[in-house]
Amino acid sequence: MNRLSLERLEDILSRAKSARIVVVGDLMLDVYLRGSASRISPEAPVPVVRVTEEWRALGGAANVASNVVAFGAACSMIGCVGPDSAGRELRQELSELSIETDGVVELLNRPTTVKTRVMARHQQVARYDIETEEDIDPATAALLTDTVARLLENADALVLEDYNKGLLTPELIGDCIRLARARGVPVIVDPKFRSFFAYRGATVFKPNLVELTAALRERLQPLDPAWMARTRTELGAEHLLVTLGEDGLALAAGDGEFMHVPTVARSVYDVSGAGDTVTAALAVALAAGATIQEAAVLANHAAGVEVGKAGVATVSPDELREVVAEHHASRLQTIKGEPQTWRI
């Protein structure tokens, strides 16, 4: 039985303060427009939203970096933005969170990815995106590889956050994993469809059910230890961790152990950004010396807090302490929510 004690959580959070995570991936700026809709447009059969509130948030790989520093670790960001106001805003927001941005390059031939959500009260009625999905050119990839090599000299974990916006080409992915393995730095991968099988050698491969279904094109059996072990081997990862939405997560560890961790969410308000929170929590925990099982339980608790918040959000150490304390105080029986483990 694998549980995360309060004493062990404190040890991990304390060690996290001296850890540094390097995040490589697709940067995004999330824009939210909220108002009321009381009529249909005379120009088209769509609601007219009278906007009364607007806010912005870091999205994509930038949200992972934001979660990393919220957990107490230091973070260096590697990615690209366009020569536009969104790119300047993104870098400014990262800098204000004390996230190192020397690895964020400005590319003249592509825009900063911006996702704008229009909401009537709490219901999203439209979303429009500014983006490109073209791969970065070889010269840019080589520049980023050099930056990864430099930053890994003082890193405790590397995150590859792929949203299929063209930054993580197969060549850059391979270089990142090779460099990290040479230095003994764990690599946590949050994949998307395009380069799903390019991450062989990763320490933790963390897809969700939709991504895994699209890639494997077979009936998934994430609660079957034998199936998870075979899939982990097929993907070439040391550990396979699959997020299961309302069912928590499943872990096939490299030592042959399987663990299902049911969700601990107290309420689900908005699932946006939950995957980014899990990725960041895994990276910080492993960088702080946690086992993969401890990291999985910690990440599951963090996701349970995040989905109870509106929009993309971060989780603080105090919130983690609170939810872990509540979980222990409840004294649940194994069948009602304790992590269940098998060895195959």
C-alpha atoms as a PDB file:
ATOM      1  CA  MET A   1       0.000   0.000   0.000  1.00  0.00           C
ATOM      2  CA  ASN A   2       1.534   3.365  -1.020  1.00  0.00           C
ATOM      3  CA  ARG A   3       0.450   6.413   0.920  1.00  0.00           C
ATOM      4  CA  LEU A   4       1.952   9.868   1.151  1.00  0.00           C
ATOM      5  CA  SER A   5       2.337  10.672   4.832  1.00  0.00           C
ATOM      6  CA  LEU A   6       2.209  14.238   6.095  1.00  0.00           C
ATOM      7  CA  GLU A   7       5.803  13.898   7.275  1.00  0.00           C
ATOM      8  CA  ARG A   8       6.945  12.709   3.858  1.00  0.00           C
ATOM      9  CA  LEU A   9       4.998  15.499   2.136  1.00  0.00           C
ATOM     10  CA  GLU A  10       6.785  18.074   4.313  1.00  0.00           C
ATOM     11  CA  ASP A  11      10.133  16.523   3.424  1.00  0.00           C
ATOM     12  CA  ILE A  12       9.362  16.673  -0.311  1.00  0.00           C
ATOM     13  CA  LEU A  13       8.087  20.270  -0.133  1.00  0.00           C
ATOM     14  CA  SER A  14      11.168  21.301   1.834  1.00  0.00           C
ATOM     15  CA  ARG A  15      13.528  19.714  -0.692  1.00  0.00           C
ATOM     16  CA  ALA A  16      11.542  21.302  -3.545  1.00  0.00           C
ATOM     17  CA  LYS A  17      12.704  24.742  -2.437  1.00  0.00           C
ATOM     18  CA  SER A  18      16.217  23.943  -3.650  1.00  0.00           C
ATOM     19  CA  ALA A  19      15.144  22.143  -6.856  1.00  0.00           C
ATOM     20  CA  ARG A  20      15.246  23.589 -10.364  1.00  0.00           C
ATOM     21  CA  ILE A  21      13.006  22.390 -13.186  1.00  0.00           C
ATOM     22  CA  VAL A  22      13.574  23.092 -16.871  1.00  0.00           C
ATOM     23  CA  VAL A  23      10.354  23.229 -18.917  1.00  0.00           C
ATOM     24  CA  VAL A  24      10.498  22.947 -22.716  1.00  0.00           C
ATOM     25  CA  GLY A  25       7.298  23.327 -24.695  1.00  0.00           C
ATOM     26  CA  ASP A  26       4.579  25.290 -26.412  1.00  0.00           C
ATOM     27  CA  LEU A  27       3.886  28.627 -24.734  1.00  0.00           C
ATOM     28  CA  MET A  28       0.341  30.014 -24.732  1.00  0.00           C
ATOM     29  CA  LEU A  29      -1.542  33.014 -23.444  1.00  0.00           C
ATOM     30  CA  ASP A  30      -5.087  32.251 -22.286  1.00  0.00           C
ATOM     31  CA  VAL A  31      -7.585  35.110 -22.524  1.00  0.00           C
ATOM     32  CA  TYR A  32     -11.009  34.942 -20.872  1.00  0.00           C
ATOM     33  CA  LEU A  33     -13.946  37.216 -21.757  1.00  0.00           C
ATOM     34  CA  ARG A  34     -16.980  36.867 -19.505  1.00  0.00           C
ATOM     35  CA  GLY A  35     -20.343  38.565 -19.653  1.00  0.00           C
ATOM     36  CA  SER A  36     -24.046  37.978 -20.121  1.00  0.00           C
ATOM     37  CA  ALA A  37     -25.996  36.847 -23.185  1.00  0.00           C
ATOM     38  CA  SER A  38     -29.640  37.866 -23.383  1.00  0.00           C
ATOM     39  CA  ARG A  39     -30.246  38.060 -27.130  1.00  0.00           C
ATOM     40  CA  ILE A  40     -29.318  36.531 -30.465  1.00  0.00           C
ATOM     41  CA  SER A  41     -27.361  38.537 -32.987  1.00  0.00           C
ATOM     42  CA  PRO A  42     -29.403  39.909 -35.936  1.00  0.00           C
ATOM     43  CA  GLU A  43     -26.381  39.199 -38.137  1.00  0.00           C
ATOM     44  CA  ALA A  44     -26.085  35.453 -37.442  1.00  0.00           C
ATOM     45  CA  PRO A  45     -27.701  32.813 -35.186  1.00  0.00           C
ATOM     46  CA  VAL A  46     -25.212  33.323 -32.371  1.00  0.00           C
ATOM     47  CA  PRO A  47     -25.564  34.847 -28.891  1.00  0.00           C
ATOM     48  CA  VAL A  48     -24.445  38.413 -28.271  1.00  0.00           C
ATOM     49  CA  VAL A  49     -22.210  38.446 -25.190  1.00  0.00           C
ATOM     50  CA  ARG A  50     -21.935  41.765 -23.397  1.00  0.00           C
ATOM     51  CA  VAL A  51     -18.441  41.496 -21.923  1.00  0.00           C
ATOM     52  CA  THR A  52     -18.091  42.766 -18.365  1.00  0.00           C
ATOM     53  CA  GLU A  53     -14.899  41.002 -17.291  1.00  0.00           C
ATOM     54  CA  GLU A  54     -11.592  40.122 -18.949  1.00  0.00           C
ATOM     55  CA  TRP A  55      -8.537  38.369 -17.580  1.00  0.00           C
ATOM     56  CA  ARG A  56      -5.456  36.578 -18.819  1.00  0.00           C
ATOM     57  CA  ALA A  57      -3.512  33.542 -17.663  1.00  0.00           C
ATOM     58  CA  LEU A  58      -0.417  31.601 -18.620  1.00  0.00           C
ATOM     59  CA  GLY A  59      -1.287  28.551 -20.704  1.00  0.00           C
ATOM     60  CA  GLY A  60       0.370  25.462 -22.160  1.00  0.00           C
ATOM     61  CA  ALA A  61       3.981  24.981 -21.093  1.00  0.00           C
ATOM     62  CA  ALA A  62       3.879  28.396 -19.392  1.00  0.00           C
ATOM     63  CA  ASN A  63       1.158  27.079 -17.080  1.00  0.00           C
ATOM     64  CA  VAL A  64       3.334  24.093 -16.190  1.00  0.00           C
ATOM     65  CA  ALA A  65       6.136  26.507 -15.290  1.00  0.00           C
ATOM     66  CA  SER A  66       3.705  28.585 -13.243  1.00  0.00           C
ATOM     67  CA  ASN A  67       2.665  25.459 -11.316  1.00  0.00           C
ATOM     68  CA  VAL A  68       6.306  24.519 -10.731  1.00  0.00           C
ATOM     69  CA  VAL A  69       7.087  27.802  -8.964  1.00  0.00           C
ATOM     70  CA  ALA A  70       3.772  27.649  -7.078  1.00  0.00           C
ATOM     71  CA  PHE A  71       4.963  24.353  -5.566  1.00  0.00           C
ATOM     72  CA  GLY A  72       8.118  26.158  -4.378  1.00  0.00           C
ATOM     73  CA  ALA A  73      10.739  25.089  -6.937  1.00  0.00           C
ATOM     74  CA  ALA A  74      12.747  27.278  -9.301  1.00  0.00           C
ATOM     75  CA  CYS A  75      12.025  27.076 -13.022  1.00  0.00           C
ATOM     76  CA  SER A  76      13.651  27.872 -16.359  1.00  0.00           C
ATOM     77  CA  MET A  77      11.406  28.184 -19.430  1.00  0.00           C
ATOM     78  CA  ILE A  78      12.406  27.223 -22.975  1.00  0.00           C
ATOM     79  CA  GLY A  79      10.051  28.000 -25.849  1.00  0.00           C
ATOM     80  CA  CYS A  80       9.193  30.575 -28.475  1.00  0.00           C
ATOM     81  CA  VAL A  81       6.884  33.560 -28.895  1.00  0.00           C
ATOM     82  CA  GLY A  82       6.058  35.873 -31.762  1.00  0.00           C
ATOM     83  CA  PRO A  83       6.985  39.538 -32.254  1.00  0.00           C
ATOM     84  CA  ASP A  84       3.672  40.720 -30.828  1.00  0.00           C
ATOM     85  CA  SER A  85       2.073  42.139 -27.703  1.00  0.00           C
ATOM     86  CA  ALA A  86       0.989  38.671 -26.544  1.00  0.00           C
ATOM     87  CA  GLY A  87       4.586  37.473 -26.635  1.00  0.00           C
ATOM     88  CA  ARG A  88       5.778  40.470 -24.646  1.00  0.00           C
ATOM     89  CA  GLU A  89       2.986  39.959 -22.132  1.00  0.00           C
ATOM     90  CA  LEU A  90       3.797  36.268 -21.797  1.00  0.00           C
ATOM     91  CA  ARG A  91       7.448  36.900 -21.067  1.00  0.00           C
ATOM     92  CA  GLN A  92       6.573  39.662 -18.629  1.00  0.00           C
ATOM     93  CA  GLU A  93       4.164  37.388 -16.754  1.00  0.00           C
ATOM     94  CA  LEU A  94       6.780  34.643 -16.556  1.00  0.00           C
ATOM     95  CA  SER A  95       9.418  37.079 -15.289  1.00  0.00           C
ATOM     96  CA  GLU A  96       7.067  38.422 -12.612  1.00  0.00           C
ATOM     97  CA  LEU A  97       6.765  34.850 -11.305  1.00  0.00           C
ATOM     98  CA  SER A  98      10.595  34.645 -11.161  1.00  0.00           C
ATOM     99  CA  ILE A  99      10.628  32.102 -13.999  1.00  0.00           C
ATOM    100  CA  GLU A 100      13.848  32.363 -15.986  1.00  0.00           C
ATOM    101  CA  THR A 101      13.057  33.399 -19.576  1.00  0.00           C
ATOM    102  CA  ASP A 102      16.507  33.473 -21.208  1.00  0.00           C
ATOM    103  CA  GLY A 103      15.444  30.374 -23.146  1.00  0.00           C
ATOM    104  CA  VAL A 104      12.324  32.018 -24.606  1.00  0.00           C
ATOM    105  CA  VAL A 105      13.158  33.130 -28.146  1.00  0.00           C
ATOM    106  CA  GLU A 106      11.208  35.501 -30.366  1.00  0.00           C
ATOM    107  CA  LEU A 107      10.547  34.200 -33.883  1.00  0.00           C
ATOM    108  CA  LEU A 108       9.606  36.699 -36.566  1.00  0.00           C
ATOM    109  CA  ASN A 109       7.697  34.261 -38.758  1.00  0.00           C
ATOM    110  CA  ARG A 110       5.138  32.944 -36.264  1.00  0.00           C
ATOM    111  CA  PRO A 111       2.627  34.444 -33.824  1.00  0.00           C
ATOM    112  CA  THR A 112       2.394  33.850 -30.109  1.00  0.00           C
ATOM    113  CA  THR A 113      -0.289  31.246 -29.435  1.00  0.00           C
ATOM    114  CA  VAL A 114      -3.339  32.952 -27.906  1.00  0.00           C
ATOM    115  CA  LYS A 115      -6.533  31.129 -26.965  1.00  0.00           C
ATOM    116  CA  THR A 116      -9.494  33.400 -26.236  1.00  0.00           C
ATOM    117  CA  ARG A 117     -12.540  31.953 -24.499  1.00  0.00           C
ATOM    118  CA  VAL A 118     -15.875  33.794 -24.570  1.00  0.00           C
ATOM    119  CA  MET A 119     -18.195  32.908 -21.695  1.00  0.00           C
ATOM    120  CA  ALA A 120     -21.766  33.822 -20.904  1.00  0.00           C
ATOM    121  CA  ARG A 121     -21.801  33.584 -17.122  1.00  0.00           C
ATOM    122  CA  HIS A 122     -19.975  30.262 -16.560  1.00  0.00           C
ATOM    123  CA  GLN A 123     -20.806  28.672 -19.930  1.00  0.00           C
ATOM    124  CA  GLN A 124     -18.214  28.852 -22.702  1.00  0.00           C
ATOM    125  CA  VAL A 125     -19.999  29.865 -25.911  1.00  0.00           C
ATOM    126  CA  ALA A 126     -17.025  30.323 -28.231  1.00  0.00           C
ATOM    127  CA  ARG A 127     -13.256  30.083 -28.440  1.00  0.00           C
ATOM    128  CA  TYR A 128     -10.968  31.568 -31.032  1.00  0.00           C
ATOM    129  CA  ASP A 129      -7.267  30.781 -31.421  1.00  0.00           C
ATOM    130  CA  ILE A 130      -4.319  32.650 -32.896  1.00  0.00           C
ATOM    131  CA  GLU A 131      -1.580  30.116 -33.610  1.00  0.00           C
ATOM    132  CA  THR A 132       0.510  28.150 -36.047  1.00  0.00           C
ATOM    133  CA  GLU A 133       1.246  24.429 -35.917  1.00  0.00           C
ATOM    134  CA  GLU A 134       4.229  24.475 -38.291  1.00  0.00           C
ATOM    135  CA  ASP A 135       7.453  22.942 -36.982  1.00  0.00           C
ATOM    136  CA  ILE A 136      10.221  25.313 -35.999  1.00  0.00           C
ATOM    137  CA  ASP A 137      13.129  25.406 -38.440  1.00  0.00           C
ATOM    138  CA  PRO A 138      16.331  23.367 -37.860  1.00  0.00           C
ATOM    139  CA  ALA A 139      18.351  26.468 -36.894  1.00  0.00           C
ATOM    140  CA  THR A 140      15.887  27.352 -34.128  1.00  0.00           C
ATOM    141  CA  ALA A 141      15.825  23.736 -32.945  1.00  0.00           C
ATOM    142  CA  ALA A 142      19.629  23.744 -32.754  1.00  0.00           C
ATOM    143  CA  LEU A 143      19.567  26.987 -30.747  1.00  0.00           C
ATOM    144  CA  LEU A 144      17.056  25.517 -28.303  1.00  0.00           C
ATOM    145  CA  THR A 145      19.090  22.313 -27.987  1.00  0.00           C
ATOM    146  CA  ASP A 146      22.124  24.381 -26.964  1.00  0.00           C
ATOM    147  CA  THR A 147      19.983  26.181 -24.395  1.00  0.00           C
ATOM    148  CA  VAL A 148      18.685  22.882 -22.999  1.00  0.00           C
ATOM    149  CA  ALA A 149      22.245  21.575 -22.686  1.00  0.00           C
ATOM    150  CA  ARG A 150      23.289  24.710 -20.783  1.00  0.00           C
ATOM    151  CA  LEU A 151      20.334  24.784 -18.401  1.00  0.00           C
ATOM    152  CA  LEU A 152      20.494  21.062 -17.646  1.00  0.00           C
ATOM    153  CA  GLU A 153      23.847  21.640 -15.936  1.00  0.00           C
ATOM    154  CA  ASN A 154      21.954  22.955 -12.900  1.00  0.00           C
ATOM    155  CA  ALA A 155      18.617  21.148 -13.333  1.00  0.00           C
ATOM    156  CA  ASP A 156      16.955  18.468 -11.232  1.00  0.00           C
ATOM    157  CA  ALA A 157      14.193  17.568 -13.724  1.00  0.00           C
ATOM    158  CA  LEU A 158      13.239  18.265 -17.340  1.00  0.00           C
ATOM    159  CA  VAL A 159       9.651  18.630 -18.565  1.00  0.00           C
ATOM    160  CA  LEU A 160       8.680  18.271 -22.231  1.00  0.00           C
ATOM    161  CA  GLU A 161       5.229  19.833 -22.633  1.00  0.00           C
ATOM    162  CA  ASP A 162       3.860  19.157 -26.116  1.00  0.00           C
ATOM    163  CA  TYR A 163       0.726  20.860 -27.451  1.00  0.00           C
ATOM    164  CA  ASN A 164       1.509  20.127 -31.124  1.00  0.00           C
ATOM    165  CA  LYS A 165       2.276  23.762 -31.927  1.00  0.00           C
ATOM    166  CA  GLY A 166       5.529  22.909 -33.668  1.00  0.00           C
ATOM    167  CA  LEU A 167       8.169  23.496 -31.001  1.00  0.00           C
ATOM    168  CA  LEU A 168       8.867  19.899 -29.978  1.00  0.00           C
ATOM    169  CA  THR A 169      10.038  18.378 -33.250  1.00  0.00           C
ATOM    170  CA  PRO A 170      11.233  14.752 -33.194  1.00  0.00           C
ATOM    171  CA  GLU A 171      14.824  15.965 -33.473  1.00  0.00           C
ATOM    172  CA  LEU A 172      14.523  18.353 -30.521  1.00  0.00           C
ATOM    173  CA  ILE A 173      12.720  15.701 -28.468  1.00  0.00           C
ATOM    174  CA  GLY A 174      15.499  13.201 -29.089  1.00  0.00           C
ATOM    175  CA  ASP A 175      18.211  15.729 -28.228  1.00  0.00           C
ATOM    176  CA  CYS A 176      16.453  16.732 -24.985  1.00  0.00           C
ATOM    177  CA  ILE A 177      16.054  13.143 -23.777  1.00  0.00           C
ATOM    178  CA  ARG A 178      19.619  12.252 -24.746  1.00  0.00           C
ATOM    179  CA  LEU A 179      21.063  15.272 -22.912  1.00  0.00           C
ATOM    180  CA  ALA A 180      18.971  14.658 -19.802  1.00  0.00           C
ATOM    181  CA  ARG A 181      19.822  10.956 -19.621  1.00  0.00           C
ATOM    182  CA  ALA A 182      23.532  11.773 -19.961  1.00  0.00           C
ATOM    183  CA  ARG A 183      23.273  13.973 -16.853  1.00  0.00           C
ATOM    184  CA  GLY A 184      20.965  11.628 -14.917  1.00  0.00           C
ATOM    185  CA  VAL A 185      18.114  14.158 -14.964  1.00  0.00           C
ATOM    186  CA  PRO A 186      14.563  12.686 -14.972  1.00  0.00           C
ATOM    187  CA  VAL A 187      12.419  13.572 -18.008  1.00  0.00           C
ATOM    188  CA  ILE A 188       8.668  14.015 -17.574  1.00  0.00           C
ATOM    189  CA  VAL A 189       6.699  14.031 -20.826  1.00  0.00           C
ATOM    190  CA  ASP A 190       3.198  15.351 -21.443  1.00  0.00           C
ATOM    191  CA  PRO A 191       2.613  14.182 -25.040  1.00  0.00           C
ATOM    192  CA  LYS A 192       0.193  15.019 -27.808  1.00  0.00           C
ATOM    193  CA  PHE A 193      -0.764  13.127 -30.935  1.00  0.00           C
ATOM    194  CA  ARG A 194       1.804  14.169 -33.539  1.00  0.00           C
ATOM    195  CA  SER A 195       5.035  12.924 -31.938  1.00  0.00           C
ATOM    196  CA  PHE A 196       3.526  10.425 -29.532  1.00  0.00           C
ATOM    197  CA  PHE A 197       6.070   7.672 -30.215  1.00  0.00           C
ATOM    198  CA  ALA A 198       9.116   9.970 -30.325  1.00  0.00           C
ATOM    199  CA  TYR A 199       9.650  10.022 -26.557  1.00  0.00           C
ATOM    200  CA  ARG A 200      11.421   6.708 -26.020  1.00  0.00           C
ATOM    201  CA  GLY A 201      13.763   6.939 -23.068  1.00  0.00           C
ATOM    202  CA  ALA A 202      11.574   9.300 -21.015  1.00  0.00           C
ATOM    203  CA  THR A 203      11.455   8.767 -17.264  1.00  0.00           C
ATOM    204  CA  VAL A 204       7.706   9.394 -16.981  1.00  0.00           C
ATOM    205  CA  PHE A 205       5.369   9.305 -19.982  1.00  0.00           C
ATOM    206  CA  LYS A 206       2.079  10.923 -18.950  1.00  0.00           C
ATOM    207  CA  PRO A 207      -0.740  10.796 -21.544  1.00  0.00           C
ATOM    208  CA  ASN A 208      -4.445  11.115 -20.855  1.00  0.00           C
ATOM    209  CA  LEU A 209      -7.036   8.629 -22.084  1.00  0.00           C
ATOM    210  CA  VAL A 210      -7.919  10.599 -25.223  1.00  0.00           C
ATOM    211  CA  GLU A 211      -4.280  10.887 -26.305  1.00  0.00           C
ATOM    212  CA  LEU A 212      -3.533   7.239 -25.563  1.00  0.00           C
ATOM    213  CA  THR A 213      -6.632   6.037 -27.427  1.00  0.00           C
ATOM    214  CA  ALA A 214      -5.791   8.068 -30.516  1.00  0.00           C
ATOM    215  CA  ALA A 215      -2.200   6.837 -30.554  1.00  0.00           C
ATOM    216  CA  LEU A 216      -2.710   3.129 -29.872  1.00  0.00           C
ATOM    217  CA  ARG A 217      -6.029   2.691 -31.713  1.00  0.00           C
ATOM    218  CA  GLU A 218      -7.072  -0.175 -29.501  1.00  0.00           C
ATOM    219  CA  ARG A 219      -9.320  -0.756 -26.526  1.00  0.00           C
ATOM    220  CA  LEU A 220      -7.628   0.708 -23.507  1.00  0.00           C
ATOM    221  CA  GLN A 221      -7.300  -1.241 -20.273  1.00  0.00           C
ATOM    222  CA  PRO A 222      -5.577   1.223 -17.936  1.00  0.00           C
ATOM    223  CA  LEU A 223      -6.727  -0.628 -14.821  1.00  0.00           C
ATOM    224  CA  ASP A 224      -5.223  -3.900 -16.058  1.00  0.00           C
ATOM    225  CA  PRO A 225      -1.662  -4.168 -14.668  1.00  0.00           C
ATOM    226  CA  ALA A 226      -0.486  -6.504 -17.444  1.00  0.00           C
ATOM    227  CA  TRP A 227      -1.842  -4.233 -20.190  1.00  0.00           C
ATOM    228  CA  MET A 228      -0.220  -1.182 -18.621  1.00  0.00           C
ATOM    229  CA  ALA A 229       3.120  -2.991 -18.356  1.00  0.00           C
ATOM    230  CA  ARG A 230       3.016  -4.012 -22.027  1.00  0.00           C
ATOM    231  CA  THR A 231       2.090  -0.483 -23.090  1.00  0.00           C
ATOM    232  CA  ARG A 232       4.905   0.999 -21.019  1.00  0.00           C
ATOM    233  CA  THR A 233       7.356  -1.291 -22.773  1.00  0.00           C
ATOM    234  CA  GLU A 234       5.899  -0.422 -26.180  1.00  0.00           C
ATOM    235  CA  LEU A 235       6.323   3.303 -25.509  1.00  0.00           C
ATOM    236  CA  GLY A 236       9.862   2.856 -24.222  1.00  0.00           C
ATOM    237  CA  ALA A 237       9.312   4.780 -20.984  1.00  0.00           C
ATOM    238  CA  GLU A 238      10.674   3.965 -17.556  1.00  0.00           C
ATOM    239  CA  HIS A 239       7.274   4.729 -16.020  1.00  0.00           C
ATOM    240  CA  LEU A 240       3.848   5.097 -17.660  1.00  0.00           C
ATOM    241  CA  LEU A 241       1.320   7.286 -15.855  1.00  0.00           C
ATOM    242  CA  VAL A 242      -2.132   7.656 -17.425  1.00  0.00           C
ATOM    243  CA  THR A 243      -4.526  10.315 -16.157  1.00  0.00           C
ATOM    244  CA  LEU A 244      -8.084   8.950 -16.030  1.00  0.00           C
ATOM    245  CA  GLY A 245     -10.162  12.076 -15.414  1.00  0.00           C
ATOM    246  CA  GLU A 246     -12.742  11.409 -12.712  1.00  0.00           C
ATOM    247  CA  ASP A 247     -11.147   7.991 -12.075  1.00  0.00           C
ATOM    248  CA  GLY A 248      -7.812   9.426 -10.934  1.00  0.00           C
ATOM    249  CA  LEU A 249      -4.671   7.977 -12.471  1.00  0.00           C
ATOM    250  CA  ALA A 250      -2.952   4.676 -13.195  1.00  0.00           C
ATOM    251  CA  LEU A 251       0.769   4.029 -12.898  1.00  0.00           C
ATOM    252  CA  ALA A 252       2.895   1.261 -14.361  1.00  0.00           C
ATOM    253  CA  ALA A 253       6.286   1.670 -12.715  1.00  0.00           C
ATOM    254  CA  GLY A 254       9.560   0.428 -14.114  1.00  0.00           C
ATOM    255  CA  ASP A 255      10.031  -1.987 -11.216  1.00  0.00           C
ATOM    256  CA  GLY A 256       6.903  -3.912 -12.249  1.00  0.00           C
ATOM    257  CA  GLU A 257       4.556  -2.320  -9.727  1.00  0.00           C
ATOM    258  CA  PHE A 258       1.108  -1.142 -10.798  1.00  0.00           C
ATOM    259  CA  MET A 259      -0.854   1.442  -8.836  1.00  0.00           C
ATOM    260  CA  HIS A 260      -4.332   2.906  -9.314  1.00  0.00           C
ATOM    261  CA  VAL A 261      -4.892   6.153  -7.406  1.00  0.00           C
ATOM    262  CA  PRO A 262      -8.586   7.159  -7.361  1.00  0.00           C
ATOM    263  CA  THR A 263      -9.424  10.847  -7.604  1.00  0.00           C
ATOM    264  CA  VAL A 264      -9.482  12.878  -4.402  1.00  0.00           C
ATOM    265  CA  ALA A 265     -11.281  15.902  -5.864  1.00  0.00           C
ATOM    266  CA  ARG A 266     -13.675  17.424  -3.346  1.00  0.00           C
ATOM    267  CA  SER A 267     -15.601  19.153  -6.147  1.00  0.00           C
ATOM    268  CA  VAL A 268     -15.091  19.631  -9.869  1.00  0.00           C
ATOM    269  CA  TYR A 269     -15.581  23.189 -11.051  1.00  0.00           C
ATOM    270  CA  ASP A 270     -13.284  23.322 -14.093  1.00  0.00           C
ATOM    271  CA  VAL A 271     -10.864  20.676 -15.431  1.00  0.00           C
ATOM    272  CA  SER A 272      -8.869  23.218 -17.475  1.00  0.00           C
ATOM    273  CA  GLY A 273      -5.177  22.964 -16.665  1.00  0.00           C
ATOM    274  CA  ALA A 274      -5.433  19.875 -14.472  1.00  0.00           C
ATOM    275  CA  GLY A 275      -3.029  17.943 -16.685  1.00  0.00           C
ATOM    276  CA  ASP A 276      -0.471  20.755 -16.432  1.00  0.00           C
ATOM    277  CA  THR A 277      -0.752  20.643 -12.645  1.00  0.00           C
ATOM    278  CA  VAL A 278      -0.125  16.874 -12.642  1.00  0.00           C
ATOM    279  CA  THR A 279       2.926  17.280 -14.885  1.00  0.00           C
ATOM    280  CA  ALA A 280       4.409  20.020 -12.707  1.00  0.00           C
ATOM    281  CA  ALA A 281       3.745  18.095  -9.507  1.00  0.00           C
ATOM    282  CA  LEU A 282       5.428  14.981 -10.884  1.00  0.00           C
ATOM    283  CA  ALA A 283       8.491  16.979 -11.933  1.00  0.00           C
ATOM    284  CA  VAL A 284       8.844  18.819  -8.630  1.00  0.00           C
ATOM    285  CA  ALA A 285       8.316  15.685  -6.552  1.00  0.00           C
ATOM    286  CA  LEU A 286      10.857  13.625  -8.502  1.00  0.00           C
ATOM    287  CA  ALA A 287      13.338  16.516  -8.420  1.00  0.00           C
ATOM    288  CA  ALA A 288      12.895  16.588  -4.637  1.00  0.00           C
ATOM    289  CA  GLY A 289      13.735  12.892  -4.312  1.00  0.00           C
ATOM    290  CA  ALA A 290      10.256  11.342  -4.195  1.00  0.00           C
ATOM    291  CA  THR A 291       9.668   7.850  -5.507  1.00  0.00           C
ATOM    292  CA  ILE A 292       7.472   7.587  -8.586  1.00  0.00           C
ATOM    293  CA  GLN A 293       4.675   6.205  -6.390  1.00  0.00           C
ATOM    294  CA  GLU A 294       4.920   9.143  -3.977  1.00  0.00           C
ATOM    295  CA  ALA A 295       5.045  11.561  -6.908  1.00  0.00           C
ATOM    296  CA  ALA A 296       1.913  10.008  -8.423  1.00  0.00           C
ATOM    297  CA  VAL A 297      -0.056  10.324  -5.172  1.00  0.00           C
ATOM    298  CA  LEU A 298       1.119  13.911  -4.680  1.00  0.00           C
ATOM    299  CA  ALA A 299       0.185  14.806  -8.266  1.00  0.00           C
ATOM    300  CA  ASN A 300      -3.255  13.260  -7.820  1.00  0.00           C
ATOM    301  CA  HIS A 301      -3.865  15.369  -4.708  1.00  0.00           C
ATOM    302  CA  ALA A 302      -2.716  18.496  -6.570  1.00  0.00           C
ATOM    303  CA  ALA A 303      -5.086  17.787  -9.455  1.00  0.00           C
ATOM    304  CA  GLY A 304      -7.931  17.329  -6.989  1.00  0.00           C
ATOM    305  CA  VAL A 305      -7.330  20.854  -5.701  1.00  0.00           C
ATOM    306  CA  GLU A 306      -6.895  22.399  -9.164  1.00  0.00           C
ATOM    307  CA  VAL A 307     -10.178  21.147 -10.627  1.00  0.00           C
ATOM    308  CA  GLY A 308     -12.039  22.837  -7.788  1.00  0.00           C
ATOM    309  CA  LYS A 309     -10.956  26.243  -9.115  1.00  0.00           C
ATOM    310  CA  ALA A 310     -12.273  28.293 -12.044  1.00  0.00           C
ATOM    311  CA  GLY A 311     -10.119  28.312 -15.182  1.00  0.00           C
ATOM    312  CA  VAL A 312      -6.415  27.495 -15.330  1.00  0.00           C
ATOM    313  CA  ALA A 313      -5.030  27.687 -11.781  1.00  0.00           C
ATOM    314  CA  THR A 314      -2.071  26.728  -9.628  1.00  0.00           C
ATOM    315  CA  VAL A 315      -1.846  24.838  -6.331  1.00  0.00           C
ATOM    316  CA  SER A 316       0.107  26.056  -3.309  1.00  0.00           C
ATOM    317  CA  PRO A 317       2.052  23.954  -0.773  1.00  0.00           C
ATOM    318  CA  ASP A 318      -0.459  24.944   1.912  1.00  0.00           C
ATOM    319  CA  GLU A 319      -3.334  23.648  -0.234  1.00  0.00           C
ATOM    320  CA  LEU A 320      -1.470  20.370  -0.692  1.00  0.00           C
ATOM    321  CA  ARG A 321      -0.906  20.103   3.048  1.00  0.00           C
ATOM    322  CA  GLU A 322      -4.600  20.704   3.671  1.00  0.00           C
ATOM    323  CA  VAL A 323      -5.890  18.131   1.212  1.00  0.00           C
ATOM    324  CA  VAL A 324      -3.376  15.465   2.279  1.00  0.00           C
ATOM    325  CA  ALA A 325      -4.281  16.090   5.929  1.00  0.00           C
ATOM    326  CA  GLU A 326      -7.975  15.742   5.094  1.00  0.00           C
ATOM    327  CA  HIS A 327      -7.303  12.522   3.226  1.00  0.00           C
ATOM    328  CA  HIS A 328      -5.470  11.014   6.177  1.00  0.00           C
ATOM    329  CA  ALA A 329      -8.041  12.234   8.690  1.00  0.00           C
ATOM    330  CA  SER A 330     -10.858  10.562   6.777  1.00  0.00           C
ATOM    331  CA  ARG A 331      -9.299   7.118   7.421  1.00  0.00           C
ATOM    332  CA  LEU A 332     -10.776   5.711   4.235  1.00  0.00           C
ATOM    333  CA  GLN A 333     -10.733   1.991   3.641  1.00  0.00           C
ATOM    334  CA  THR A 334      -8.716   0.673   0.718  1.00  0.00           C
ATOM    335  CA  ILE A 335     -11.752   0.107  -1.466  1.00  0.00           C
ATOM    336  CA  LYS A 336     -12.909   3.692  -0.939  1.00  0.00           C
ATOM    337  CA  GLY A 337      -9.905   5.515  -2.200  1.00  0.00           C
ATOM    338  CA  GLU A 338      -6.580   4.191  -0.991  1.00  0.00           C
ATOM    339  CA  PRO A 339      -3.993   3.619  -3.722  1.00  0.00           C
ATOM    340  CA  GLN A 340      -4.201  -0.024  -4.797  1.00  0.00           C
ATOM    341  CA  THR A 341      -0.992  -1.732  -5.883  1.00  0.00           C
ATOM    342  CA  TRP A 342      -0.041  -4.956  -7.607  1.00  0.00           C
ATOM    343  CA  ARG A 343       3.265  -6.352  -8.736  1.00  0.00           C
ATOM    344  CA  ILE A 344       3.494  -8.237 -12.001  1.00  0.00           C
END
